[in-house]
Each structure stands twice: as structure tokens, then as C-alpha cells.
C-alpha atoms as a PDB file:
ATOM      1  CA  MET A   1       0.000   0.000   0.000  1.00  0.00           C
ATOM      2  CA  LYS A   2       2.818   2.383   0.897  1.00  0.00           C
ATOM      3  CA  LYS A   3       4.507   1.735  -2.482  1.00  0.00           C
ATOM      4  CA  ILE A   4       1.297   2.562  -4.313  1.00  0.00           C
ATOM      5  CA  LEU A   5       0.948   5.871  -2.475  1.00  0.00           C
ATOM      6  CA  VAL A   6       4.559   6.787  -3.204  1.00  0.00           C
ATOM      7  CA  MET A   7       4.133   5.940  -6.903  1.00  0.00           C
ATOM      8  CA  LEU A   8       0.882   7.929  -7.060  1.00  0.00           C
ATOM      9  CA  PHE A   9       2.597  10.939  -5.483  1.00  0.00           C
ATOM     10  CA  VAL A  10       5.502  10.716  -7.949  1.00  0.00           C
ATOM     11  CA  CYS A  11       3.110  10.516 -10.897  1.00  0.00           C
ATOM     12  CA  LEU A  12       1.072  13.480  -9.697  1.00  0.00           C
ATOM     13  CA  PHE A  13       4.200  15.556  -9.173  1.00  0.00           C
ATOM     14  CA  ALA A  14       5.447  14.702 -12.673  1.00  0.00           C
ATOM     15  CA  VAL A  15       2.158  15.876 -14.190  1.00  0.00           C
ATOM     16  CA  CYS A  16       2.114  19.147 -12.261  1.00  0.00           C
ATOM     17  CA  ALA A  17       5.679  20.306 -12.919  1.00  0.00           C
ATOM     18  CA  PHE A  18       7.513  20.564 -16.225  1.00  0.00           C
ATOM     19  CA  ALA A  19      10.916  22.105 -16.920  1.00  0.00           C
ATOM     20  CA  ALA A  20      12.685  22.762 -20.211  1.00  0.00           C
ATOM     21  CA  ASP A  21      15.105  25.054 -21.965  1.00  0.00           C
ATOM     22  CA  LYS A  22      15.016  26.453 -25.496  1.00  0.00           C
ATOM     23  CA  SER A  23      17.366  28.495 -27.651  1.00  0.00           C
ATOM     24  CA  ILE A  24      16.014  31.866 -28.650  1.00  0.00           C
ATOM     25  CA  THR A  25      17.266  34.778 -30.749  1.00  0.00           C
ATOM     26  CA  VAL A  26      16.606  38.365 -29.680  1.00  0.00           C
ATOM     27  CA  ASN A  27      16.624  40.656 -32.732  1.00  0.00           C
ATOM     28  CA  SER A  28      16.310  44.090 -31.130  1.00  0.00           C
ATOM     29  CA  ASN A  29      16.927  45.847 -27.822  1.00  0.00           C
ATOM     30  CA  THR A  30      14.176  45.060 -25.331  1.00  0.00           C
ATOM     31  CA  SER A  31      13.501  44.784 -21.621  1.00  0.00           C
ATOM     32  CA  PHE A  32      12.812  41.485 -19.853  1.00  0.00           C
ATOM     33  CA  ASN A  33      11.383  42.047 -16.384  1.00  0.00           C
ATOM     34  CA  GLY A  34      13.128  45.396 -16.148  1.00  0.00           C
ATOM     35  CA  HIS A  35      16.514  44.130 -17.340  1.00  0.00           C
ATOM     36  CA  ALA A  36      17.990  45.360 -20.615  1.00  0.00           C
ATOM     37  CA  VAL A  37      18.384  42.620 -23.221  1.00  0.00           C
ATOM     38  CA  THR A  38      20.495  43.284 -26.300  1.00  0.00           C
ATOM     39  CA  PRO A  39      20.270  41.419 -29.609  1.00  0.00           C
ATOM     40  CA  GLY A  40      21.901  37.996 -29.569  1.00  0.00           C
ATOM     41  CA  GLU A  41      21.493  34.296 -28.843  1.00  0.00           C
ATOM     42  CA  TYR A  42      20.003  33.309 -25.481  1.00  0.00           C
ATOM     43  CA  LYS A  43      18.753  30.244 -23.668  1.00  0.00           C
ATOM     44  CA  LEU A  44      15.287  30.380 -22.183  1.00  0.00           C
ATOM     45  CA  VAL A  45      14.975  28.111 -19.142  1.00  0.00           C
ATOM     46  CA  TYR A  46      11.490  27.662 -17.767  1.00  0.00           C
ATOM     47  CA  GLN A  47       9.609  25.573 -15.258  1.00  0.00           C
ATOM     48  CA  ILE A  48       5.854  25.206 -15.459  1.00  0.00           C
ATOM     49  CA  ASN A  49       3.981  24.294 -12.322  1.00  0.00           C
ATOM     50  CA  GLY A  50       0.237  24.189 -12.980  1.00  0.00           C
ATOM     51  CA  SER A  51      -0.766  27.544 -14.454  1.00  0.00           C
ATOM     52  CA  THR A  52       2.400  29.392 -13.318  1.00  0.00           C
ATOM     53  CA  ALA A  53       5.809  29.489 -14.977  1.00  0.00           C
ATOM     54  CA  GLU A  54       9.186  30.569 -13.622  1.00  0.00           C
ATOM     55  CA  VAL A  55      11.388  31.810 -16.461  1.00  0.00           C
ATOM     56  CA  LYS A  56      15.110  32.514 -16.646  1.00  0.00           C
ATOM     57  CA  LEU A  57      16.861  34.117 -19.631  1.00  0.00           C
ATOM     58  CA  THR A  58      20.560  33.170 -19.827  1.00  0.00           C
ATOM     59  CA  GLN A  59      23.454  33.995 -22.127  1.00  0.00           C
ATOM     60  CA  ALA A  60      26.884  32.353 -22.046  1.00  0.00           C
ATOM     61  CA  GLY A  61      25.867  30.499 -18.879  1.00  0.00           C
ATOM     62  CA  LYS A  62      24.956  33.665 -16.958  1.00  0.00           C
ATOM     63  CA  THR A  63      21.461  34.668 -15.904  1.00  0.00           C
ATOM     64  CA  VAL A  64      20.388  37.877 -17.627  1.00  0.00           C
ATOM     65  CA  ALA A  65      16.871  38.117 -16.159  1.00  0.00           C
ATOM     66  CA  THR A  66      14.159  36.129 -14.414  1.00  0.00           C
ATOM     67  CA  ALA A  67      10.378  36.486 -14.396  1.00  0.00           C
ATOM     68  CA  THR A  68       7.149  34.802 -13.386  1.00  0.00           C
ATOM     69  CA  GLY A  69       4.261  34.343 -15.773  1.00  0.00           C
ATOM     70  CA  GLN A  70       0.927  32.698 -16.325  1.00  0.00           C
ATOM     71  CA  VAL A  71       0.601  29.699 -18.631  1.00  0.00           C
ATOM     72  CA  VAL A  72      -2.227  30.304 -21.104  1.00  0.00           C
ATOM     73  CA  GLU A  73      -3.640  27.924 -23.705  1.00  0.00           C
ATOM     74  CA  GLN A  74      -4.000  29.306 -27.226  1.00  0.00           C
ATOM     75  CA  LYS A  75      -5.983  27.863 -30.131  1.00  0.00           C
ATOM     76  CA  ASN A  76      -3.031  26.957 -32.357  1.00  0.00           C
ATOM     77  CA  PRO A  77       0.537  25.965 -31.530  1.00  0.00           C
ATOM     78  CA  SER A  78       3.261  28.582 -31.892  1.00  0.00           C
ATOM     79  CA  ARG A  79       5.421  28.187 -34.975  1.00  0.00           C
ATOM     80  CA  TYR A  80       8.648  29.426 -33.386  1.00  0.00           C
ATOM     81  CA  ASN A  81      10.380  30.048 -30.084  1.00  0.00           C
ATOM     82  CA  ALA A  82       9.737  33.749 -29.638  1.00  0.00           C
ATOM     83  CA  LEU A  83       9.718  36.630 -27.189  1.00  0.00           C
ATOM     84  CA  VAL A  84       6.736  38.860 -27.926  1.00  0.00           C
ATOM     85  CA  ASP A  85       7.243  42.451 -26.902  1.00  0.00           C
ATOM     86  CA  GLN A  86       5.259  45.655 -26.862  1.00  0.00           C
ATOM     87  CA  THR A  87       6.375  49.180 -27.640  1.00  0.00           C
ATOM     88  CA  ASN A  88       6.048  51.479 -24.631  1.00  0.00           C
ATOM     89  CA  ALA A  89       5.037  55.169 -24.765  1.00  0.00           C
ATOM     90  CA  ASP A  90       8.711  56.216 -24.624  1.00  0.00           C
ATOM     91  CA  GLY A  91       9.591  53.990 -27.601  1.00  0.00           C
ATOM     92  CA  SER A  92      11.317  51.298 -25.537  1.00  0.00           C
ATOM     93  CA  ARG A  93      10.249  47.668 -25.865  1.00  0.00           C
ATOM     94  CA  THR A  94       9.186  45.225 -23.124  1.00  0.00           C
ATOM     95  CA  VAL A  95       8.723  41.449 -23.368  1.00  0.00           C
ATOM     96  CA  ILE A  96       5.137  40.517 -22.477  1.00  0.00           C
ATOM     97  CA  GLU A  97       4.842  36.926 -23.746  1.00  0.00           C
ATOM     98  CA  ILE A  98       6.956  33.855 -24.465  1.00  0.00           C
ATOM     99  CA  GLN A  99       5.987  31.431 -27.211  1.00  0.00           C
ATOM    100  CA  ILE A 100       7.475  27.951 -27.532  1.00  0.00           C
ATOM    101  CA  ALA A 101       7.575  26.247 -30.944  1.00  0.00           C
ATOM    102  CA  ASN A 102       4.957  23.549 -31.493  1.00  0.00           C
ATOM    103  CA  GLN A 103       3.252  24.259 -28.152  1.00  0.00           C
ATOM    104  CA  LYS A 104      -0.273  25.579 -27.635  1.00  0.00           C
ATOM    105  CA  GLN A 105       0.705  27.030 -24.273  1.00  0.00           C
ATOM    106  CA  VAL A 106       2.277  30.481 -24.043  1.00  0.00           C
ATOM    107  CA  ILE A 107       3.731  32.212 -20.988  1.00  0.00           C
ATOM    108  CA  LYS A 108       2.277  35.657 -20.402  1.00  0.00           C
ATOM    109  CA  LEU A 109       4.541  37.639 -18.118  1.00  0.00           C
ATOM    110  CA  ASN A 110       2.811  39.197 -15.149  1.00  0.00           C
ATOM    111  CA  ALA A 111       2.218  42.918 -15.576  1.00  0.00           C
ATOM    112  CA  ASP A 112       4.251  43.664 -12.443  1.00  0.00           C
ATOM    113  CA  ASN A 113       7.180  41.705 -13.886  1.00  0.00           C
ATOM    114  CA  ALA A 114       6.992  43.307 -17.308  1.00  0.00           C
ATOM    115  CA  ALA A 115       7.107  46.885 -16.017  1.00  0.00           C
ATOM    116  CA  VAL A 116      10.466  48.536 -16.532  1.00  0.00           C
ATOM    117  CA  GLY A 117      12.441  48.786 -13.315  1.00  0.00           C
ATOM    118  CA  LYS A 118      10.765  45.874 -11.524  1.00  0.00           C
END
């Protein structure tokens, strides 16, 4: 009985948490959770736990920025790994969403995280 409970717990934990990393190219200057991100190649490391995701943007093995976001289901899978940004009133750009190739889920960064200076 104890083995069954342990196995059930392990299976439930595996379903609730998911971690991965993806390569991503940033094409223009932007802000990721208040941190300046310049054009270049990055690694996006994320862990999904239910409807929340913890995200880390790294370059050359160093963490550039971290953020928390909400996992949202979209109708069609994303075609590419992409950082979606918005243009702010001052002309600067801020990442507001992360899309993962071939996945219907996107990570929408929390408004508090996406604000410059947070």
C-alpha cells in the first residue's frame, strides 16, 4: 500500500511540474522584467507548475533576467520560439509573452514583472 501511495505521489508531481530550456534569438533591444536585453542568442529556461511558470533568460551560462508568468492555452501551436514584446510610450520595448515552438501554451509575463524597473 505504501509503495502505491509513493508511486501515485511521484506521478502526480510529474504531471504538475515541467521544466525545459530552449534556444532563442533576440533581434532588437528590449527589456525582460526590467533588465535590458540586447540582440543575440540566449537560452530560455522555464519551469511550469500548474498555471504558473518561472522563467530565466541566460546567455553564455549567466542569468540575464528572471520572471514569473501565467501559462495560457491558445488555439493553435506557436510556430517558433519567440519573445513577444510591446512598444512602450517612450519607444522602448518590453517582453510581455513567451511562445514555444509547437506548443499551444504560451507564458504571459505578469504585468508587475513586465514593467520597466521591476
